[in-house]
C-alpha atoms as a PDB file:
ATOM      1  CA  MET A   1     138.531 138.217  86.234  1.00  0.00           C
ATOM      2  CA  LYS A   2     140.780 140.362  84.095  1.00  0.00           C
ATOM      3  CA  LYS A   3     144.275 139.090  83.390  1.00  0.00           C
ATOM      4  CA  SER A   4     145.870 142.149  85.027  1.00  0.00           C
ATOM      5  CA  VAL A   5     143.906 141.535  88.236  1.00  0.00           C
ATOM      6  CA  LYS A   6     144.979 137.887  88.275  1.00  0.00           C
ATOM      7  CA  ILE A   7     148.616 138.896  87.855  1.00  0.00           C
ATOM      8  CA  PHE A   8     148.263 141.451  90.680  1.00  0.00           C
ATOM      9  CA  LEU A   9     146.792 138.819  93.040  1.00  0.00           C
ATOM     10  CA  ILE A  10     149.552 136.366  92.152  1.00  0.00           C
ATOM     11  CA  VAL A  11     152.202 138.989  92.938  1.00  0.00           C
ATOM     12  CA  ILE A  12     150.524 139.837  96.257  1.00  0.00           C
ATOM     13  CA  GLY A  13     150.349 136.126  97.086  1.00  0.00           C
ATOM     14  CA  ILE A  14     154.057 135.701  96.380  1.00  0.00           C
ATOM     15  CA  VAL A  15     154.953 138.729  98.560  1.00  0.00           C
ATOM     16  CA  VAL A  16     152.816 137.442 101.439  1.00  0.00           C
ATOM     17  CA  ALA A  17     154.386 133.980 101.104  1.00  0.00           C
ATOM     18  CA  ILE A  18     157.908 135.474 101.214  1.00  0.00           C
ATOM     19  CA  ILE A  19     157.029 137.471 104.343  1.00  0.00           C
ATOM     20  CA  LEU A  20     155.573 134.387 106.043  1.00  0.00           C
ATOM     21  CA  ILE A  21     158.625 132.301 105.139  1.00  0.00           C
ATOM     22  CA  PHE A  22     160.963 135.032 106.458  1.00  0.00           C
ATOM     23  CA  PHE A  23     159.274 135.201 109.852  1.00  0.00           C
ATOM     24  CA  ALA A  24     158.932 131.418 109.979  1.00  0.00           C
ATOM     25  CA  LEU A  25     162.679 131.075 109.408  1.00  0.00           C
ATOM     26  CA  MET A  26     163.300 133.565 112.204  1.00  0.00           C
ATOM     27  CA  GLY A  27     161.088 131.516 114.544  1.00  0.00           C
ATOM     28  CA  TYR A  28     158.135 133.915 114.886  1.00  0.00           C
ATOM     29  CA  ILE A  29     155.395 131.617 113.541  1.00  0.00           C
ATOM     30  CA  PRO A  30     155.200 128.567 115.845  1.00  0.00           C
ATOM     31  CA  GLY A  31     153.683 125.935 113.521  1.00  0.00           C
ATOM     32  CA  LEU A  32     155.325 127.120 110.323  1.00  0.00           C
ATOM     33  CA  SER A  33     158.614 127.845 112.074  1.00  0.00           C
ATOM     34  CA  ALA A  34     158.756 124.245 113.286  1.00  0.00           C
ATOM     35  CA  LEU A  35     158.092 123.075 109.728  1.00  0.00           C
ATOM     36  CA  PHE A  36     161.096 125.059 108.482  1.00  0.00           C
ATOM     37  CA  GLY A  37     163.225 123.843 111.394  1.00  0.00           C
ATOM     38  CA  ALA A  38     163.616 127.320 112.926  1.00  0.00           C
ATOM     39  CA  THR A  39     162.881 125.948 116.399  1.00  0.00           C
ATOM     40  CA  LYS A  40     165.183 122.942 115.996  1.00  0.00           C
ATOM     41  CA  PRO A  41     168.825 123.633 116.825  1.00  0.00           C
ATOM     42  CA  ARG A  42     171.671 122.587 114.579  1.00  0.00           C
ATOM     43  CA  ASP A  43     173.041 119.152 115.440  1.00  0.00           C
ATOM     44  CA  LEU A  44     176.743 119.489 116.243  1.00  0.00           C
ATOM     45  CA  GLY A  45     177.106 115.780 116.912  1.00  0.00           C
ATOM     46  CA  VAL A  46     177.747 116.227 120.653  1.00  0.00           C
ATOM     47  CA  THR A  47     175.972 114.033 123.190  1.00  0.00           C
ATOM     48  CA  TYR A  48     176.593 113.462 126.885  1.00  0.00           C
ATOM     49  CA  THR A  49     175.931 110.847 129.525  1.00  0.00           C
ATOM     50  CA  ASP A  50     175.328 110.922 133.273  1.00  0.00           C
ATOM     51  CA  ALA A  51     179.039 110.162 133.634  1.00  0.00           C
ATOM     52  CA  ASP A  52     179.932 113.282 131.598  1.00  0.00           C
ATOM     53  CA  GLN A  53     177.600 115.339 133.763  1.00  0.00           C
ATOM     54  CA  LYS A  54     179.125 114.039 136.979  1.00  0.00           C
ATOM     55  CA  SER A  55     182.680 114.481 135.687  1.00  0.00           C
ATOM     56  CA  ALA A  56     181.973 118.055 134.617  1.00  0.00           C
ATOM     57  CA  ARG A  57     180.585 119.022 138.009  1.00  0.00           C
ATOM     58  CA  ASP A  58     183.287 117.174 139.948  1.00  0.00           C
ATOM     59  CA  LYS A  59     185.974 119.137 138.097  1.00  0.00           C
ATOM     60  CA  GLY A  60     184.424 122.469 139.081  1.00  0.00           C
ATOM     61  CA  GLN A  61     183.441 121.501 142.647  1.00  0.00           C
ATOM     62  CA  VAL A  62     180.702 124.137 142.839  1.00  0.00           C
ATOM     63  CA  GLU A  63     177.821 123.268 145.181  1.00  0.00           C
ATOM     64  CA  TRP A  64     174.274 124.222 144.207  1.00  0.00           C
ATOM     65  CA  GLU A  65     171.778 125.531 146.739  1.00  0.00           C
ATOM     66  CA  THR A  66     168.154 126.616 146.363  1.00  0.00           C
ATOM     67  CA  LEU A  67     166.861 130.119 147.062  1.00  0.00           C
ATOM     68  CA  SER A  68     163.292 130.903 148.010  1.00  0.00           C
ATOM     69  CA  ALA A  69     160.920 130.945 145.033  1.00  0.00           C
ATOM     70  CA  ASN A  70     159.848 134.510 145.865  1.00  0.00           C
ATOM     71  CA  THR A  71     163.410 135.873 145.723  1.00  0.00           C
ATOM     72  CA  SER A  72     163.525 139.044 143.598  1.00  0.00           C
ATOM     73  CA  ASP A  73     164.807 138.644 140.036  1.00  0.00           C
ATOM     74  CA  ASP A  74     167.927 140.720 140.666  1.00  0.00           C
ATOM     75  CA  GLN A  75     168.871 138.411 143.577  1.00  0.00           C
ATOM     76  CA  SER A  76     167.718 135.148 141.984  1.00  0.00           C
ATOM     77  CA  ILE A  77     171.278 133.882 141.476  1.00  0.00           C
ATOM     78  CA  GLN A  78     174.064 134.367 144.037  1.00  0.00           C
ATOM     79  CA  PHE A  79     177.629 133.129 144.557  1.00  0.00           C
ATOM     80  CA  THR A  80     179.618 132.656 147.744  1.00  0.00           C
ATOM     81  CA  GLY A  81     183.107 131.486 148.681  1.00  0.00           C
ATOM     82  CA  SER A  82     186.039 130.673 146.408  1.00  0.00           C
ATOM     83  CA  HIS A  83     188.384 127.766 145.636  1.00  0.00           C
ATOM     84  CA  GLU A  84     191.177 127.140 143.156  1.00  0.00           C
ATOM     85  CA  VAL A  85     190.578 125.123 140.004  1.00  0.00           C
ATOM     86  CA  ASN A  86     193.036 124.049 137.313  1.00  0.00           C
ATOM     87  CA  ASN A  87     191.300 121.674 134.938  1.00  0.00           C
ATOM     88  CA  SER A  88     189.883 121.085 131.466  1.00  0.00           C
ATOM     89  CA  TRP A  89     186.493 120.071 130.073  1.00  0.00           C
ATOM     90  CA  ASN A  90     185.742 118.363 126.764  1.00  0.00           C
ATOM     91  CA  SER A  91     182.757 119.023 124.500  1.00  0.00           C
ATOM     92  CA  ALA A  92     180.506 116.431 126.151  1.00  0.00           C
ATOM     93  CA  GLU A  93     181.238 117.786 129.633  1.00  0.00           C
ATOM     94  CA  MET A  94     180.626 121.399 128.586  1.00  0.00           C
ATOM     95  CA  THR A  95     177.397 120.381 126.873  1.00  0.00           C
ATOM     96  CA  ALA A  96     176.309 118.650 130.074  1.00  0.00           C
ATOM     97  CA  LEU A  97     177.024 121.764 132.149  1.00  0.00           C
ATOM     98  CA  LEU A  98     175.109 124.028 129.769  1.00  0.00           C
ATOM     99  CA  ASN A  99     172.021 121.796 129.884  1.00  0.00           C
ATOM    100  CA  ASP A 100     172.112 120.991 133.591  1.00  0.00           C
ATOM    101  CA  ARG A 101     171.268 124.414 135.007  1.00  0.00           C
ATOM    102  CA  PRO A 102     168.693 124.655 137.833  1.00  0.00           C
ATOM    103  CA  TRP A 103     168.267 128.481 137.814  1.00  0.00           C
ATOM    104  CA  LYS A 104     164.700 129.247 136.726  1.00  0.00           C
ATOM    105  CA  TYR A 105     165.888 132.023 134.408  1.00  0.00           C
ATOM    106  CA  TRP A 106     168.545 130.011 132.570  1.00  0.00           C
ATOM    107  CA  PRO A 107     167.448 131.025 129.033  1.00  0.00           C
ATOM    108  CA  ILE A 108     168.834 128.278 126.773  1.00  0.00           C
ATOM    109  CA  ASN A 109     168.077 124.589 126.390  1.00  0.00           C
ATOM    110  CA  THR A 110     168.807 121.666 124.067  1.00  0.00           C
ATOM    111  CA  VAL A 111     172.351 123.010 123.941  1.00  0.00           C
ATOM    112  CA  GLN A 112     175.341 121.441 122.233  1.00  0.00           C
ATOM    113  CA  MET A 113     178.859 122.849 122.502  1.00  0.00           C
ATOM    114  CA  ARG A 114     181.620 121.553 120.279  1.00  0.00           C
ATOM    115  CA  ILE A 115     185.204 122.580 120.948  1.00  0.00           C
ATOM    116  CA  ASN A 116     187.294 122.080 117.827  1.00  0.00           C
ATOM    117  CA  PRO A 117     190.983 121.136 117.548  1.00  0.00           C
ATOM    118  CA  ASP A 118     191.728 124.468 115.803  1.00  0.00           C
ATOM    119  CA  GLY A 119     190.781 126.520 118.884  1.00  0.00           C
ATOM    120  CA  THR A 120     187.296 127.511 117.727  1.00  0.00           C
ATOM    121  CA  ALA A 121     184.098 126.660 119.564  1.00  0.00           C
ATOM    122  CA  GLU A 122     180.554 126.188 118.284  1.00  0.00           C
ATOM    123  CA  MET A 123     177.302 126.296 120.213  1.00  0.00           C
ATOM    124  CA  SER A 124     173.736 125.571 119.186  1.00  0.00           C
ATOM    125  CA  GLY A 125     170.506 125.411 121.121  1.00  0.00           C
ATOM    126  CA  VAL A 126     167.132 127.033 121.682  1.00  0.00           C
ATOM    127  CA  VAL A 127     166.730 130.396 123.370  1.00  0.00           C
ATOM    128  CA  ASN A 128     163.622 131.005 125.498  1.00  0.00           C
ATOM    129  CA  SER A 129     162.971 134.741 125.286  1.00  0.00           C
ATOM    130  CA  SER A 130     160.402 134.634 128.125  1.00  0.00           C
ATOM    131  CA  LYS A 131     163.309 133.989 130.532  1.00  0.00           C
ATOM    132  CA  LEU A 132     165.658 136.604 129.152  1.00  0.00           C
ATOM    133  CA  ARG A 133     164.342 139.555 131.138  1.00  0.00           C
ATOM    134  CA  GLY A 134     164.747 137.662 134.433  1.00  0.00           C
ATOM    135  CA  TYR A 135     168.170 136.431 133.277  1.00  0.00           C
ATOM    136  CA  ALA A 136     169.227 139.980 132.410  1.00  0.00           C
ATOM    137  CA  SER A 137     168.079 141.250 135.804  1.00  0.00           C
ATOM    138  CA  GLY A 138     169.857 138.397 137.584  1.00  0.00           C
ATOM    139  CA  ILE A 139     173.237 139.123 135.987  1.00  0.00           C
ATOM    140  CA  GLY A 140     172.938 142.885 136.277  1.00  0.00           C
ATOM    141  CA  VAL A 141     172.141 143.897 132.692  1.00  0.00           C
ATOM    142  CA  PRO A 142     170.869 147.511 132.527  1.00  0.00           C
ATOM    143  CA  ALA A 143     167.123 147.770 131.958  1.00  0.00           C
ATOM    144  CA  VAL A 144     167.622 149.818 128.786  1.00  0.00           C
ATOM    145  CA  VAL A 145     169.503 146.876 127.250  1.00  0.00           C
ATOM    146  CA  ALA A 146     166.990 144.318 128.500  1.00  0.00           C
ATOM    147  CA  ASP A 147     164.243 146.270 126.738  1.00  0.00           C
ATOM    148  CA  ARG A 148     165.699 145.241 123.359  1.00  0.00           C
ATOM    149  CA  ILE A 149     164.911 141.596 124.176  1.00  0.00           C
ATOM    150  CA  SER A 150     161.489 142.094 122.572  1.00  0.00           C
ATOM    151  CA  ILE A 151     163.082 141.640 119.139  1.00  0.00           C
ATOM    152  CA  LEU A 152     163.398 137.881 119.747  1.00  0.00           C
ATOM    153  CA  PRO A 153     160.708 135.269 119.107  1.00  0.00           C
ATOM    154  CA  ALA A 154     159.374 133.181 122.016  1.00  0.00           C
ATOM    155  CA  GLN A 155     161.418 130.122 121.046  1.00  0.00           C
ATOM    156  CA  ALA A 156     164.114 130.147 118.366  1.00  0.00           C
ATOM    157  CA  ALA A 157     167.079 128.004 117.525  1.00  0.00           C
ATOM    158  CA  PHE A 158     170.476 129.692 117.550  1.00  0.00           C
ATOM    159  CA  TYR A 159     173.974 128.856 116.385  1.00  0.00           C
ATOM    160  CA  ILE A 160     177.220 130.678 117.019  1.00  0.00           C
ATOM    161  CA  LYS A 161     180.858 129.977 116.207  1.00  0.00           C
ATOM    162  CA  GLY A 162     183.916 131.885 117.325  1.00  0.00           C
ATOM    163  CA  THR A 163     187.038 132.067 119.414  1.00  0.00           C
ATOM    164  CA  GLY A 164     187.740 133.458 122.858  1.00  0.00           C
ATOM    165  CA  ALA A 165     190.187 133.504 125.739  1.00  0.00           C
ATOM    166  CA  LEU A 166     190.567 135.098 129.163  1.00  0.00           C
ATOM    167  CA  SER A 167     193.695 136.326 130.925  1.00  0.00           C
ATOM    168  CA  GLU A 168     193.778 137.840 134.421  1.00  0.00           C
ATOM    169  CA  ASN A 169     189.978 137.912 134.468  1.00  0.00           C
ATOM    170  CA  SER A 170     189.657 139.962 131.293  1.00  0.00           C
ATOM    171  CA  VAL A 171     188.912 139.084 127.679  1.00  0.00           C
ATOM    172  CA  SER A 172     192.196 138.648 125.808  1.00  0.00           C
ATOM    173  CA  LYS A 173     190.709 137.165 122.626  1.00  0.00           C
ATOM    174  CA  PHE A 174     187.200 137.403 121.199  1.00  0.00           C
ATOM    175  CA  ASP A 175     185.735 136.971 117.749  1.00  0.00           C
ATOM    176  CA  ILE A 176     182.499 135.648 116.251  1.00  0.00           C
ATOM    177  CA  THR A 177     182.885 134.083 112.826  1.00  0.00           C
ATOM    178  CA  SER A 178     179.334 132.817 112.307  1.00  0.00           C
ATOM    179  CA  ALA A 179     175.925 133.468 113.886  1.00  0.00           C
ATOM    180  CA  GLN A 180     172.418 132.289 113.122  1.00  0.00           C
ATOM    181  CA  LEU A 181     168.950 132.852 114.597  1.00  0.00           C
ATOM    182  CA  GLY A 182     166.274 130.434 113.473  1.00  0.00           C
ATOM    183  CA  ARG A 183     167.431 129.473 110.009  1.00  0.00           C
ATOM    184  CA  LEU A 184     168.659 132.935 109.002  1.00  0.00           C
ATOM    185  CA  SER A 185     172.289 133.985 109.267  1.00  0.00           C
ATOM    186  CA  ILE A 186     173.185 137.251 110.986  1.00  0.00           C
ATOM    187  CA  PRO A 187     176.154 138.821 109.177  1.00  0.00           C
ATOM    188  CA  THR A 188     179.067 139.071 111.599  1.00  0.00           C
ATOM    189  CA  GLY A 189     179.795 142.539 110.214  1.00  0.00           C
ATOM    190  CA  VAL A 190     176.389 143.650 111.478  1.00  0.00           C
ATOM    191  CA  LEU A 191     176.804 141.725 114.709  1.00  0.00           C
ATOM    192  CA  LEU A 192     180.220 143.039 115.717  1.00  0.00           C
ATOM    193  CA  SER A 193     181.614 145.808 113.530  1.00  0.00           C
ATOM    194  CA  ARG A 194     181.331 149.541 113.856  1.00  0.00           C
ATOM    195  CA  ASN A 195     178.485 150.887 111.754  1.00  0.00           C
ATOM    196  CA  SER A 196     179.388 153.951 109.702  1.00  0.00           C
ATOM    197  CA  LEU A 197     175.897 154.397 108.235  1.00  0.00           C
ATOM    198  CA  GLY A 198     174.310 155.802 111.361  1.00  0.00           C
ATOM    199  CA  ALA A 199     171.233 154.621 113.232  1.00  0.00           C
ATOM    200  CA  LYS A 200     168.292 153.204 111.299  1.00  0.00           C
ATOM    201  CA  THR A 201     164.646 152.849 112.207  1.00  0.00           C
ATOM    202  CA  ALA A 202     163.572 149.210 112.250  1.00  0.00           C
ATOM    203  CA  PHE A 203     160.624 147.086 113.216  1.00  0.00           C
ATOM    204  CA  ALA A 204     161.224 145.100 116.392  1.00  0.00           C
ATOM    205  CA  GLN A 205     160.952 141.843 114.441  1.00  0.00           C
ATOM    206  CA  ASN A 206     163.911 142.657 112.210  1.00  0.00           C
ATOM    207  CA  VAL A 207     166.897 141.553 114.278  1.00  0.00           C
ATOM    208  CA  VAL A 208     169.500 142.483 111.693  1.00  0.00           C
ATOM    209  CA  SER A 209     168.180 146.026 111.278  1.00  0.00           C
ATOM    210  CA  GLU A 210     167.978 146.374 115.048  1.00  0.00           C
ATOM    211  CA  LEU A 211     171.624 145.369 115.413  1.00  0.00           C
ATOM    212  CA  GLU A 212     172.622 147.849 112.703  1.00  0.00           C
ATOM    213  CA  LYS A 213     171.450 150.680 114.945  1.00  0.00           C
ATOM    214  CA  TYR A 214     174.362 150.250 117.355  1.00  0.00           C
ATOM    215  CA  SER A 215     178.013 151.024 116.677  1.00  0.00           C
ATOM    216  CA  GLY A 216     181.108 149.523 118.272  1.00  0.00           C
ATOM    217  CA  LYS A 217     179.273 146.353 119.258  1.00  0.00           C
ATOM    218  CA  LYS A 218     182.382 144.179 119.598  1.00  0.00           C
ATOM    219  CA  ALA A 219     183.965 146.570 122.097  1.00  0.00           C
ATOM    220  CA  ALA A 220     180.655 146.836 123.944  1.00  0.00           C
ATOM    221  CA  ILE A 221     180.359 143.037 124.178  1.00  0.00           C
ATOM    222  CA  VAL A 222     183.932 142.687 125.456  1.00  0.00           C
ATOM    223  CA  ASN A 223     183.386 145.447 128.023  1.00  0.00           C
ATOM    224  CA  PHE A 224     180.163 143.801 129.147  1.00  0.00           C
ATOM    225  CA  ILE A 225     181.842 140.391 129.544  1.00  0.00           C
ATOM    226  CA  ASN A 226     184.653 141.950 131.569  1.00  0.00           C
ATOM    227  CA  GLY A 227     182.104 143.614 133.822  1.00  0.00           C
ATOM    228  CA  ARG A 228     180.179 140.365 134.387  1.00  0.00           C
ATOM    229  CA  LEU A 229     183.394 138.445 135.178  1.00  0.00           C
ATOM    230  CA  SER A 230     184.164 140.768 138.061  1.00  0.00           C
ATOM    231  CA  TRP A 231     180.516 140.642 139.171  1.00  0.00           C
ATOM    232  CA  ILE A 232     180.598 136.868 139.852  1.00  0.00           C
ATOM    233  CA  SER A 233     181.789 136.585 143.446  1.00  0.00           C
ATOM    234  CA  GLY A 234     184.571 134.016 143.826  1.00  0.00           C
ATOM    235  CA  PHE A 235     185.283 133.767 140.092  1.00  0.00           C
ATOM    236  CA  PHE A 236     188.692 134.707 138.722  1.00  0.00           C
ATOM    237  CA  ALA A 237     190.061 133.406 135.438  1.00  0.00           C
ATOM    238  CA  LYS A 238     193.827 133.569 135.537  1.00  0.00           C
ATOM    239  CA  LYS A 239     193.844 131.728 132.215  1.00  0.00           C
ATOM    240  CA  ALA A 240     191.014 130.297 130.128  1.00  0.00           C
ATOM    241  CA  HIS A 241     191.126 129.199 126.508  1.00  0.00           C
ATOM    242  CA  VAL A 242     189.999 126.514 124.079  1.00  0.00           C
ATOM    243  CA  SER A 243     192.447 124.245 122.283  1.00  0.00           C
ATOM    244  CA  ASP A 244     192.913 120.566 121.451  1.00  0.00           C
ATOM    245  CA  SER A 245     189.123 120.054 121.661  1.00  0.00           C
ATOM    246  CA  LYS A 246     188.971 121.154 125.322  1.00  0.00           C
ATOM    247  CA  LEU A 247     188.242 124.194 127.443  1.00  0.00           C
ATOM    248  CA  PHE A 248     191.152 124.862 129.815  1.00  0.00           C
ATOM    249  CA  PHE A 249     190.638 126.919 132.975  1.00  0.00           C
ATOM    250  CA  GLU A 250     193.054 128.045 135.672  1.00  0.00           C
ATOM    251  CA  GLY A 251     191.832 130.297 138.454  1.00  0.00           C
ATOM    252  CA  THR A 252     189.110 130.249 141.094  1.00  0.00           C
ATOM    253  CA  LEU A 253     185.425 129.329 141.096  1.00  0.00           C
ATOM    254  CA  PRO A 254     182.747 130.043 143.720  1.00  0.00           C
ATOM    255  CA  ASP A 255     182.234 127.438 146.424  1.00  0.00           C
ATOM    256  CA  LYS A 256     178.463 127.733 146.095  1.00  0.00           C
ATOM    257  CA  GLU A 257     175.914 128.857 143.546  1.00  0.00           C
ATOM    258  CA  ARG A 258     172.525 129.672 145.011  1.00  0.00           C
ATOM    259  CA  SER A 259     169.570 130.148 142.668  1.00  0.00           C
ATOM    260  CA  ALA A 260     165.785 130.403 142.594  1.00  0.00           C
ATOM    261  CA  ARG A 261     164.250 127.355 140.947  1.00  0.00           C
END
């Protein structure tokens, strides 16, 4: 074999290896992705016990009821009633709540949430994209937005860090300082900022390029959150914020949450 041909094959091999590593890091190649840790969430050092789980639920006093298994996706989670709550939850209690969700379309698992003394919060876990369409339908996400879900792998670890607060049932503070899918970081400028370069064509697998296609994402996210807050019957956040390693909430929560299992 000629030397030039050998060099060409080596270059092709390197390119193919880089492509495989990229998609493995994103979580698209099951076996290889697991090897690179793309399906294993970041350990934030937060664990919880049965006592944390019970304490978290007792503080909210929301009863869970089961809907029929054949309930339509858009009605698969419902809320009724309302009661006042003025309490706080620590990292272990919030982690317990995020993992103890009976709704069949709850899309995240192996979740850890760490609330830091400086008022920031971090969350890691695994997102199950097969549940995202049902989740989107259940919380009233427009179908055109749900269609973009195809950019995600079947199972991928995620990590996000930021700050947030609610006042009078609207977002009063919101910022994302770090985000990661699989083992690849998503630049927060791409995730949140207004894009002045215009829309770009991208393959569905390229999450960053897909996000670059949309401008004003931070405002859109805030508007969406505000819309979902008013959608939850019985929920009203007079005040909600994170500080001193706790999530503080003052307002009302639904008496009951009914969901398809």
